[in-house]
C-alpha cells in the first residue's frame, strides 16, 4: 500500500469524521472506506453508461463478476444489455432462443 498526501476539503473531513465515529474505526480506515465507495460508484456509473463491461468493473474492483453485479444491483444499477443484445449474441453462437 502506498502513502499519498492530499488536500481534503472541510466537508470531506466532516464525512470522514462521521464514518470514523459511526463505524468506530481509525481515520485512515474511514478514508479508505469512503474512497472505495466512491470508486465503486464511479465504476457503476461507467458500467451503466456502457463505457466498461461487467468484467472490467469486476477486475478493477478485484472481485468476481457475480459480486460486481450484486454490488451494482444493490446500488440500483441494472445491467446495461438490452434483450435484443442477448438474442443477437445467442444467434452468433448458434443457440436458438426458442428452446
PDB file of N, CA and C in Angstrom:
ATOM      1  N   UNK A   1       0.840  -1.162   0.000  1.00  0.00           N
ATOM      2  CA  UNK A   1       0.000   0.000   0.000  1.00  0.00           C
ATOM      3  C   UNK A   1       0.894   1.236   0.000  1.00  0.00           C
ATOM      4  N   UNK A   2       0.523   2.210  -0.830  1.00  0.00           N
ATOM      5  CA  UNK A   2       1.294   3.445  -0.922  1.00  0.00           C
ATOM      6  C   UNK A   2       0.676   4.525  -0.046  1.00  0.00           C
ATOM      7  N   UNK A   3       1.487   5.476   0.328  1.00  0.00           N
ATOM      8  CA  UNK A   3       1.036   6.639   1.078  1.00  0.00           C
ATOM      9  C   UNK A   3       0.979   7.826   0.131  1.00  0.00           C
ATOM     10  N   UNK A   4      -0.129   8.565   0.150  1.00  0.00           N
ATOM     11  CA  UNK A   4      -0.299   9.757  -0.677  1.00  0.00           C
ATOM     12  C   UNK A   4      -0.659  10.923   0.221  1.00  0.00           C
ATOM     13  N   UNK A   5      -0.232  12.090  -0.181  1.00  0.00           N
ATOM     14  CA  UNK A   5      -0.560  13.306   0.549  1.00  0.00           C
ATOM     15  C   UNK A   5      -1.530  14.118  -0.303  1.00  0.00           C
ATOM     16  N   UNK A   6      -2.689  14.469   0.268  1.00  0.00           N
ATOM     17  CA  UNK A   6      -3.684  15.244  -0.480  1.00  0.00           C
ATOM     18  C   UNK A   6      -4.283  16.320   0.411  1.00  0.00           C
ATOM     19  N   UNK A   7      -4.843  17.342  -0.228  1.00  0.00           N
ATOM     20  CA  UNK A   7      -5.591  18.363   0.491  1.00  0.00           C
ATOM     21  C   UNK A   7      -7.047  17.908   0.518  1.00  0.00           C
ATOM     22  N   UNK A   8      -7.656  17.951   1.701  1.00  0.00           N
ATOM     23  CA  UNK A   8      -9.027  17.476   1.855  1.00  0.00           C
ATOM     24  C   UNK A   8      -9.915  18.638   2.293  1.00  0.00           C
ATOM     25  N   UNK A   9     -10.971  18.913   1.520  1.00  0.00           N
ATOM     26  CA  UNK A   9     -11.889  19.992   1.905  1.00  0.00           C
ATOM     27  C   UNK A   9     -12.601  19.674   3.225  1.00  0.00           C
ATOM     28  N   UNK A  10     -13.034  20.723   3.906  1.00  0.00           N
ATOM     29  CA  UNK A  10     -13.681  20.585   5.216  1.00  0.00           C
ATOM     30  C   UNK A  10     -14.885  19.642   5.187  1.00  0.00           C
ATOM     31  N   UNK A  11     -15.720  19.733   4.137  1.00  0.00           N
ATOM     32  CA  UNK A  11     -16.917  18.880   4.102  1.00  0.00           C
ATOM     33  C   UNK A  11     -16.558  17.398   3.990  1.00  0.00           C
ATOM     34  N   UNK A  12     -15.448  17.102   3.335  1.00  0.00           N
ATOM     35  CA  UNK A  12     -14.998  15.714   3.247  1.00  0.00           C
ATOM     36  C   UNK A  12     -14.412  15.273   4.588  1.00  0.00           C
ATOM     37  N   UNK A  13     -13.703  16.182   5.259  1.00  0.00           N
ATOM     38  CA  UNK A  13     -13.191  15.869   6.609  1.00  0.00           C
ATOM     39  C   UNK A  13     -14.340  15.562   7.562  1.00  0.00           C
ATOM     40  N   UNK A  14     -15.435  16.296   7.414  1.00  0.00           N
ATOM     41  CA  UNK A  14     -16.615  16.034   8.239  1.00  0.00           C
ATOM     42  C   UNK A  14     -17.191  14.648   7.942  1.00  0.00           C
ATOM     43  N   UNK A  15     -17.221  14.279   6.665  1.00  0.00           N
ATOM     44  CA  UNK A  15     -17.723  12.956   6.277  1.00  0.00           C
ATOM     45  C   UNK A  15     -16.832  11.860   6.856  1.00  0.00           C
ATOM     46  N   UNK A  16     -15.529  12.068   6.801  1.00  0.00           N
ATOM     47  CA  UNK A  16     -14.580  11.101   7.358  1.00  0.00           C
ATOM     48  C   UNK A  16     -14.817  10.934   8.854  1.00  0.00           C
ATOM     49  N   UNK A  17     -15.036  12.049   9.529  1.00  0.00           N
ATOM     50  CA  UNK A  17     -15.285  12.022  10.976  1.00  0.00           C
ATOM     51  C   UNK A  17     -16.566  11.251  11.296  1.00  0.00           C
ATOM     52  N   UNK A  18     -17.600  11.452  10.497  1.00  0.00           N
ATOM     53  CA  UNK A  18     -18.865  10.731  10.704  1.00  0.00           C
ATOM     54  C   UNK A  18     -18.648   9.230  10.558  1.00  0.00           C
ATOM     55  N   UNK A  19     -17.974   8.822   9.485  1.00  0.00           N
ATOM     56  CA  UNK A  19     -17.714   7.393   9.265  1.00  0.00           C
ATOM     57  C   UNK A  19     -16.855   6.834  10.387  1.00  0.00           C
ATOM     58  N   UNK A  20     -15.837   7.559  10.765  1.00  0.00           N
ATOM     59  CA  UNK A  20     -14.943   7.140  11.848  1.00  0.00           C
ATOM     60  C   UNK A  20     -15.733   6.869  13.129  1.00  0.00           C
ATOM     61  N   UNK A  21     -16.600   7.788  13.492  1.00  0.00           N
ATOM     62  CA  UNK A  21     -17.370   7.646  14.725  1.00  0.00           C
ATOM     63  C   UNK A  21     -18.455   6.576  14.623  1.00  0.00           C
ATOM     64  N   UNK A  22     -19.160   6.532  13.498  1.00  0.00           N
ATOM     65  CA  UNK A  22     -20.230   5.550  13.309  1.00  0.00           C
ATOM     66  C   UNK A  22     -19.698   4.119  13.292  1.00  0.00           C
ATOM     67  N   UNK A  23     -18.605   3.928  12.571  1.00  0.00           N
ATOM     68  CA  UNK A  23     -18.040   2.590  12.390  1.00  0.00           C
ATOM     69  C   UNK A  23     -17.042   2.225  13.491  1.00  0.00           C
ATOM     70  N   UNK A  24     -16.684   3.235  14.301  1.00  0.00           N
ATOM     71  CA  UNK A  24     -15.681   3.045  15.361  1.00  0.00           C
ATOM     72  C   UNK A  24     -14.379   2.479  14.781  1.00  0.00           C
ATOM     73  N   UNK A  25     -13.889   3.186  13.761  1.00  0.00           N
ATOM     74  CA  UNK A  25     -12.656   2.799  13.081  1.00  0.00           C
ATOM     75  C   UNK A  25     -11.697   3.986  13.071  1.00  0.00           C
ATOM     76  N   UNK A  26     -10.457   3.717  12.696  1.00  0.00           N
ATOM     77  CA  UNK A  26      -9.460   4.779  12.615  1.00  0.00           C
ATOM     78  C   UNK A  26      -9.769   5.709  11.443  1.00  0.00           C
ATOM     79  N   UNK A  27      -9.254   6.912  11.533  1.00  0.00           N
ATOM     80  CA  UNK A  27      -9.475   7.906  10.486  1.00  0.00           C
ATOM     81  C   UNK A  27      -8.991   7.396   9.120  1.00  0.00           C
ATOM     82  N   UNK A  28      -7.821   6.759   9.086  1.00  0.00           N
ATOM     83  CA  UNK A  28      -7.292   6.268   7.807  1.00  0.00           C
ATOM     84  C   UNK A  28      -8.199   5.181   7.220  1.00  0.00           C
ATOM     85  N   UNK A  29      -8.778   4.345   8.072  1.00  0.00           N
ATOM     86  CA  UNK A  29      -9.710   3.310   7.595  1.00  0.00           C
ATOM     87  C   UNK A  29     -10.984   3.950   7.054  1.00  0.00           C
ATOM     88  N   UNK A  30     -11.458   4.995   7.715  1.00  0.00           N
ATOM     89  CA  UNK A  30     -12.643   5.714   7.242  1.00  0.00           C
ATOM     90  C   UNK A  30     -12.380   6.343   5.875  1.00  0.00           C
ATOM     91  N   UNK A  31     -11.190   6.911   5.700  1.00  0.00           N
ATOM     92  CA  UNK A  31     -10.821   7.499   4.406  1.00  0.00           C
ATOM     93  C   UNK A  31     -10.819   6.435   3.316  1.00  0.00           C
ATOM     94  N   UNK A  32     -10.173   5.296   3.603  1.00  0.00           N
ATOM     95  CA  UNK A  32     -10.121   4.227   2.605  1.00  0.00           C
ATOM     96  C   UNK A  32     -11.513   3.724   2.265  1.00  0.00           C
ATOM     97  N   UNK A  33     -12.377   3.619   3.270  1.00  0.00           N
ATOM     98  CA  UNK A  33     -13.743   3.153   3.043  1.00  0.00           C
ATOM     99  C   UNK A  33     -14.491   4.107   2.113  1.00  0.00           C
ATOM    100  N   UNK A  34     -14.398   5.397   2.378  1.00  0.00           N
ATOM    101  CA  UNK A  34     -15.082   6.377   1.536  1.00  0.00           C
ATOM    102  C   UNK A  34     -14.515   6.402   0.115  1.00  0.00           C
ATOM    103  N   UNK A  35     -13.217   6.268  -0.009  1.00  0.00           N
ATOM    104  CA  UNK A  35     -12.598   6.222  -1.333  1.00  0.00           C
ATOM    105  C   UNK A  35     -13.076   4.998  -2.098  1.00  0.00           C
ATOM    106  N   UNK A  36     -13.156   3.866  -1.420  1.00  0.00           N
ATOM    107  CA  UNK A  36     -13.623   2.627  -2.052  1.00  0.00           C
ATOM    108  C   UNK A  36     -15.076   2.779  -2.517  1.00  0.00           C
ATOM    109  N   UNK A  37     -15.921   3.340  -1.654  1.00  0.00           N
ATOM    110  CA  UNK A  37     -17.323   3.544  -2.027  1.00  0.00           C
ATOM    111  C   UNK A  37     -17.415   4.465  -3.242  1.00  0.00           C
ATOM    112  N   UNK A  38     -16.618   5.511  -3.259  1.00  0.00           N
ATOM    113  CA  UNK A  38     -16.596   6.420  -4.403  1.00  0.00           C
ATOM    114  C   UNK A  38     -16.146   5.724  -5.678  1.00  0.00           C
ATOM    115  N   UNK A  39     -15.133   4.864  -5.563  1.00  0.00           N
ATOM    116  CA  UNK A  39     -14.631   4.130  -6.729  1.00  0.00           C
ATOM    117  C   UNK A  39     -15.681   3.161  -7.249  1.00  0.00           C
ATOM    118  N   UNK A  40     -16.349   2.456  -6.326  1.00  0.00           N
ATOM    119  CA  UNK A  40     -17.417   1.532  -6.722  1.00  0.00           C
ATOM    120  C   UNK A  40     -18.535   2.277  -7.443  1.00  0.00           C
ATOM    121  N   UNK A  41     -18.904   3.431  -6.921  1.00  0.00           N
ATOM    122  CA  UNK A  41     -19.954   4.242  -7.530  1.00  0.00           C
ATOM    123  C   UNK A  41     -19.529   4.730  -8.912  1.00  0.00           C
ATOM    124  N   UNK A  42     -18.297   5.182  -9.012  1.00  0.00           N
ATOM    125  CA  UNK A  42     -17.771   5.671 -10.292  1.00  0.00           C
ATOM    126  C   UNK A  42     -17.800   4.565 -11.348  1.00  0.00           C
ATOM    127  N   UNK A  43     -17.304   3.378 -10.969  1.00  0.00           N
ATOM    128  CA  UNK A  43     -17.303   2.269 -11.918  1.00  0.00           C
ATOM    129  C   UNK A  43     -18.722   1.825 -12.252  1.00  0.00           C
ATOM    130  N   UNK A  44     -19.605   1.858 -11.263  1.00  0.00           N
ATOM    131  CA  UNK A  44     -21.004   1.512 -11.509  1.00  0.00           C
ATOM    132  C   UNK A  44     -21.625   2.425 -12.548  1.00  0.00           C
ATOM    133  N   UNK A  45     -21.322   3.702 -12.460  1.00  0.00           N
ATOM    134  CA  UNK A  45     -21.834   4.660 -13.450  1.00  0.00           C
ATOM    135  C   UNK A  45     -21.239   4.421 -14.832  1.00  0.00           C
ATOM    136  N   UNK A  46     -19.945   4.105 -14.886  1.00  0.00           N
ATOM    137  CA  UNK A  46     -19.334   3.789 -16.188  1.00  0.00           C
ATOM    138  C   UNK A  46     -19.976   2.547 -16.805  1.00  0.00           C
ATOM    139  N   UNK A  47     -20.242   1.552 -15.955  1.00  0.00           N
ATOM    140  CA  UNK A  47     -20.891   0.327 -16.422  1.00  0.00           C
ATOM    141  C   UNK A  47     -22.301   0.624 -16.924  1.00  0.00           C
ATOM    142  N   UNK A  48     -23.040   1.410 -16.159  1.00  0.00           N
ATOM    143  CA  UNK A  48     -24.413   1.776 -16.530  1.00  0.00           C
ATOM    144  C   UNK A  48     -24.447   2.489 -17.882  1.00  0.00           C
ATOM    145  N   UNK A  49     -23.446   3.330 -18.139  1.00  0.00           N
ATOM    146  CA  UNK A  49     -23.364   4.074 -19.397  1.00  0.00           C
ATOM    147  C   UNK A  49     -22.820   3.233 -20.541  1.00  0.00           C
ATOM    148  N   UNK A  50     -22.418   1.993 -20.246  1.00  0.00           N
ATOM    149  CA  UNK A  50     -21.879   1.118 -21.283  1.00  0.00           C
ATOM    150  C   UNK A  50     -20.436   1.429 -21.646  1.00  0.00           C
ATOM    151  N   UNK A  51     -19.736   2.184 -20.808  1.00  0.00           N
ATOM    152  CA  UNK A  51     -18.351   2.554 -21.097  1.00  0.00           C
ATOM    153  C   UNK A  51     -17.363   1.474 -20.677  1.00  0.00           C
ATOM    154  N   UNK A  52     -17.761   0.627 -19.727  1.00  0.00           N
ATOM    155  CA  UNK A  52     -16.942  -0.529 -19.349  1.00  0.00           C
ATOM    156  C   UNK A  52     -17.864  -1.733 -19.201  1.00  0.00           C
ATOM    157  N   UNK A  53     -17.290  -2.901 -19.311  1.00  0.00           N
ATOM    158  CA  UNK A  53     -18.062  -4.131 -19.150  1.00  0.00           C
ATOM    159  C   UNK A  53     -18.092  -4.539 -17.679  1.00  0.00           C
ATOM    160  N   UNK A  54     -18.979  -5.458 -17.384  1.00  0.00           N
ATOM    161  CA  UNK A  54     -19.042  -6.005 -16.034  1.00  0.00           C
ATOM    162  C   UNK A  54     -17.710  -6.662 -15.682  1.00  0.00           C
ATOM    163  N   UNK A  55     -17.133  -7.350 -16.646  1.00  0.00           N
ATOM    164  CA  UNK A  55     -15.835  -7.999 -16.428  1.00  0.00           C
ATOM    165  C   UNK A  55     -14.758  -6.978 -16.068  1.00  0.00           C
ATOM    166  N   UNK A  56     -14.729  -5.861 -16.791  1.00  0.00           N
ATOM    167  CA  UNK A  56     -13.745  -4.814 -16.500  1.00  0.00           C
ATOM    168  C   UNK A  56     -13.965  -4.215 -15.107  1.00  0.00           C
ATOM    169  N   UNK A  57     -15.221  -3.950 -14.777  1.00  0.00           N
ATOM    170  CA  UNK A  57     -15.531  -3.393 -13.459  1.00  0.00           C
ATOM    171  C   UNK A  57     -15.093  -4.357 -12.363  1.00  0.00           C
ATOM    172  N   UNK A  58     -15.403  -5.630 -12.527  1.00  0.00           N
ATOM    173  CA  UNK A  58     -15.030  -6.635 -11.528  1.00  0.00           C
ATOM    174  C   UNK A  58     -13.513  -6.705 -11.371  1.00  0.00           C
ATOM    175  N   UNK A  59     -12.810  -6.677 -12.486  1.00  0.00           N
ATOM    176  CA  UNK A  59     -11.343  -6.733 -12.443  1.00  0.00           C
ATOM    177  C   UNK A  59     -10.779  -5.524 -11.700  1.00  0.00           C
ATOM    178  N   UNK A  60     -11.297  -4.341 -12.008  1.00  0.00           N
ATOM    179  CA  UNK A  60     -10.809  -3.122 -11.358  1.00  0.00           C
ATOM    180  C   UNK A  60     -11.126  -3.105  -9.857  1.00  0.00           C
ATOM    181  N   UNK A  61     -12.226  -3.746  -9.475  1.00  0.00           N
ATOM    182  CA  UNK A  61     -12.616  -3.806  -8.066  1.00  0.00           C
ATOM    183  C   UNK A  61     -11.998  -5.007  -7.344  1.00  0.00           C
ATOM    184  N   UNK A  62     -11.299  -5.853  -8.092  1.00  0.00           N
ATOM    185  CA  UNK A  62     -10.689  -7.075  -7.541  1.00  0.00           C
ATOM    186  C   UNK A  62     -11.726  -7.997  -6.901  1.00  0.00           C
ATOM    187  N   UNK A  63     -12.866  -8.133  -7.589  1.00  0.00           N
ATOM    188  CA  UNK A  63     -13.909  -9.065  -7.165  1.00  0.00           C
ATOM    189  C   UNK A  63     -14.371  -9.848  -8.383  1.00  0.00           C
ATOM    190  N   UNK A  64     -15.165 -10.910  -8.171  1.00  0.00           N
ATOM    191  CA  UNK A  64     -15.646 -11.650  -9.342  1.00  0.00           C
ATOM    192  C   UNK A  64     -16.883 -10.956  -9.920  1.00  0.00           C
ATOM    193  N   UNK A  65     -17.300 -11.410 -11.092  1.00  0.00           N
ATOM    194  CA  UNK A  65     -18.383 -10.737 -11.811  1.00  0.00           C
ATOM    195  C   UNK A  65     -19.719 -10.825 -11.079  1.00  0.00           C
ATOM    196  N   UNK A  66     -19.969 -11.929 -10.388  1.00  0.00           N
ATOM    197  CA  UNK A  66     -21.209 -12.075  -9.625  1.00  0.00           C
ATOM    198  C   UNK A  66     -21.247 -11.042  -8.494  1.00  0.00           C
ATOM    199  N   UNK A  67     -20.117 -10.887  -7.795  1.00  0.00           N
ATOM    200  CA  UNK A  67     -20.047  -9.894  -6.718  1.00  0.00           C
ATOM    201  C   UNK A  67     -20.241  -8.477  -7.269  1.00  0.00           C
ATOM    202  N   UNK A  68     -19.658  -8.206  -8.441  1.00  0.00           N
ATOM    203  CA  UNK A  68     -19.807  -6.884  -9.054  1.00  0.00           C
ATOM    204  C   UNK A  68     -21.265  -6.636  -9.422  1.00  0.00           C
ATOM    205  N   UNK A  69     -21.917  -7.634 -10.000  1.00  0.00           N
ATOM    206  CA  UNK A  69     -23.320  -7.480 -10.368  1.00  0.00           C
ATOM    207  C   UNK A  69     -24.171  -7.254  -9.119  1.00  0.00           C
ATOM    208  N   UNK A  70     -23.906  -8.015  -8.058  1.00  0.00           N
ATOM    209  CA  UNK A  70     -24.641  -7.833  -6.801  1.00  0.00           C
ATOM    210  C   UNK A  70     -24.424  -6.428  -6.243  1.00  0.00           C
ATOM    211  N   UNK A  71     -23.193  -5.960  -6.282  1.00  0.00           N
ATOM    212  CA  UNK A  71     -22.863  -4.620  -5.794  1.00  0.00           C
ATOM    213  C   UNK A  71     -23.636  -3.560  -6.570  1.00  0.00           C
ATOM    214  N   UNK A  72     -23.647  -3.700  -7.888  1.00  0.00           N
ATOM    215  CA  UNK A  72     -24.337  -2.727  -8.729  1.00  0.00           C
ATOM    216  C   UNK A  72     -25.849  -2.806  -8.533  1.00  0.00           C
ATOM    217  N   UNK A  73     -26.384  -4.011  -8.406  1.00  0.00           N
ATOM    218  CA  UNK A  73     -27.825  -4.155  -8.179  1.00  0.00           C
ATOM    219  C   UNK A  73     -28.244  -3.519  -6.858  1.00  0.00           C
ATOM    220  N   UNK A  74     -27.412  -3.703  -5.816  1.00  0.00           N
ATOM    221  CA  UNK A  74     -27.701  -3.068  -4.522  1.00  0.00           C
ATOM    222  C   UNK A  74     -27.721  -1.547  -4.645  1.00  0.00           C
ATOM    223  N   UNK A  75     -26.919  -1.025  -5.566  1.00  0.00           N
ATOM    224  CA  UNK A  75     -26.857   0.424  -5.786  1.00  0.00           C
ATOM    225  C   UNK A  75     -27.927   0.897  -6.775  1.00  0.00           C
ATOM    226  N   UNK A  76     -28.776  -0.040  -7.237  1.00  0.00           N
ATOM    227  CA  UNK A  76     -29.836   0.314  -8.179  1.00  0.00           C
ATOM    228  C   UNK A  76     -29.379   0.395  -9.616  1.00  0.00           C
ATOM    229  N   UNK A  77     -28.210  -0.158  -9.907  1.00  0.00           N
ATOM    230  CA  UNK A  77     -27.671  -0.139 -11.270  1.00  0.00           C
ATOM    231  C   UNK A  77     -27.953  -1.485 -11.907  1.00  0.00           C
ATOM    232  N   UNK A  78     -28.811  -1.469 -12.906  1.00  0.00           N
ATOM    233  CA  UNK A  78     -29.159  -2.708 -13.605  1.00  0.00           C
ATOM    234  C   UNK A  78     -28.168  -2.937 -14.736  1.00  0.00           C
ATOM    235  N   UNK A  79     -28.192  -4.131 -15.283  1.00  0.00           N
ATOM    236  CA  UNK A  79     -27.318  -4.459 -16.400  1.00  0.00           C
ATOM    237  C   UNK A  79     -27.523  -3.504 -17.562  1.00  0.00           C
ATOM    238  N   UNK A  80     -26.515  -3.383 -18.378  1.00  0.00           N
ATOM    239  CA  UNK A  80     -26.599  -2.436 -19.492  1.00  0.00           C
ATOM    240  C   UNK A  80     -26.860  -3.126 -20.831  1.00  0.00           C
ATOM    241  N   UNK A  81     -27.355  -4.367 -20.778  1.00  0.00           N
ATOM    242  CA  UNK A  81     -27.680  -5.087 -22.006  1.00  0.00           C
ATOM    243  C   UNK A  81     -29.178  -5.056 -22.256  1.00  0.00           C
ATOM    244  N   UNK A  82     -29.530  -4.906 -23.501  1.00  0.00           N
ATOM    245  CA  UNK A  82     -30.928  -4.995 -23.902  1.00  0.00           C
ATOM    246  C   UNK A  82     -31.228  -6.439 -24.283  1.00  0.00           C
ATOM    247  N   UNK A  83     -32.475  -6.823 -24.243  1.00  0.00           N
ATOM    248  CA  UNK A  83     -32.871  -8.174 -24.633  1.00  0.00           C
ATOM    249  C   UNK A  83     -32.419  -8.459 -26.063  1.00  0.00           C
ATOM    250  N   UNK A  84     -32.489  -7.456 -26.933  1.00  0.00           N
ATOM    251  CA  UNK A  84     -32.067  -7.643 -28.328  1.00  0.00           C
ATOM    252  C   UNK A  84     -30.571  -7.954 -28.410  1.00  0.00           C
ATOM    253  N   UNK A  85     -29.766  -7.378 -27.509  1.00  0.00           N
ATOM    254  CA  UNK A  85     -28.330  -7.668 -27.479  1.00  0.00           C
ATOM    255  C   UNK A  85     -28.088  -9.132 -27.116  1.00  0.00           C
ATOM    256  N   UNK A  86     -28.831  -9.616 -26.138  1.00  0.00           N
ATOM    257  CA  UNK A  86     -28.687 -11.002 -25.692  1.00  0.00           C
ATOM    258  C   UNK A  86     -29.103 -11.955 -26.806  1.00  0.00           C
ATOM    259  N   UNK A  87     -30.224 -11.681 -27.462  1.00  0.00           N
ATOM    260  CA  UNK A  87     -30.688 -12.539 -28.557  1.00  0.00           C
ATOM    261  C   UNK A  87     -29.691 -12.556 -29.705  1.00  0.00           C
ATOM    262  N   UNK A  88     -29.113 -11.412 -30.027  1.00  0.00           N
ATOM    263  CA  UNK A  88     -28.112 -11.337 -31.082  1.00  0.00           C
ATOM    264  C   UNK A  88     -26.900 -12.189 -30.729  1.00  0.00           C
ATOM    265  N   UNK A  89     -26.450 -12.111 -29.478  1.00  0.00           N
ATOM    266  CA  UNK A  89     -25.312 -12.919 -29.033  1.00  0.00           C
ATOM    267  C   UNK A  89     -25.627 -14.394 -29.124  1.00  0.00           C
ATOM    268  N   UNK A  90     -26.830 -14.779 -28.726  1.00  0.00           N
ATOM    269  CA  UNK A  90     -27.231 -16.185 -28.809  1.00  0.00           C
ATOM    270  C   UNK A  90     -27.215 -16.667 -30.258  1.00  0.00           C
ATOM    271  N   UNK A  91     -27.694 -15.827 -31.174  1.00  0.00           N
ATOM    272  CA  UNK A  91     -27.695 -16.185 -32.601  1.00  0.00           C
ATOM    273  C   UNK A  91     -26.271 -16.390 -33.098  1.00  0.00           C
ATOM    274  N   UNK A  92     -25.353 -15.545 -32.669  1.00  0.00           N
ATOM    275  CA  UNK A  92     -23.962 -15.655 -33.096  1.00  0.00           C
ATOM    276  C   UNK A  92     -23.341 -16.972 -32.660  1.00  0.00           C
ATOM    277  N   UNK A  93     -23.793 -17.486 -31.520  1.00  0.00           N
ATOM    278  CA  UNK A  93     -23.275 -18.769 -31.013  1.00  0.00           C
ATOM    279  C   UNK A  93     -24.105 -19.947 -31.490  1.00  0.00           C
ATOM    280  N   UNK A  94     -25.099 -19.674 -32.338  1.00  0.00           N
ATOM    281  CA  UNK A  94     -25.899 -20.745 -32.903  1.00  0.00           C
ATOM    282  C   UNK A  94     -26.910 -21.324 -31.932  1.00  0.00           C
ATOM    283  N   UNK A  95     -27.275 -20.581 -30.925  1.00  0.00           N
ATOM    284  CA  UNK A  95     -28.249 -21.047 -29.944  1.00  0.00           C
ATOM    285  C   UNK A  95     -29.605 -20.448 -30.313  1.00  0.00           C
ATOM    286  N   UNK A  96     -30.615 -21.296 -30.322  1.00  0.00           N
ATOM    287  CA  UNK A  96     -31.957 -20.828 -30.621  1.00  0.00           C
ATOM    288  C   UNK A  96     -32.613 -20.283 -29.365  1.00  0.00           C
ATOM    289  N   UNK A  97     -33.251 -19.149 -29.471  1.00  0.00           N
ATOM    290  CA  UNK A  97     -33.944 -18.548 -28.321  1.00  0.00           C
ATOM    291  C   UNK A  97     -35.274 -19.221 -28.048  1.00  0.00           C
ATOM    292  N   UNK A  98     -35.696 -20.133 -28.938  1.00  0.00           N
ATOM    293  CA  UNK A  98     -36.994 -20.807 -28.789  1.00  0.00           C
ATOM    294  C   UNK A  98     -36.903 -22.137 -28.062  1.00  0.00           C
ATOM    295  N   UNK A  99     -35.824 -22.417 -27.389  1.00  0.00           N
ATOM    296  CA  UNK A  99     -35.668 -23.700 -26.709  1.00  0.00           C
ATOM    297  C   UNK A  99     -36.578 -23.837 -25.551  1.00  0.00           C
TER     298      UNK A  99
END
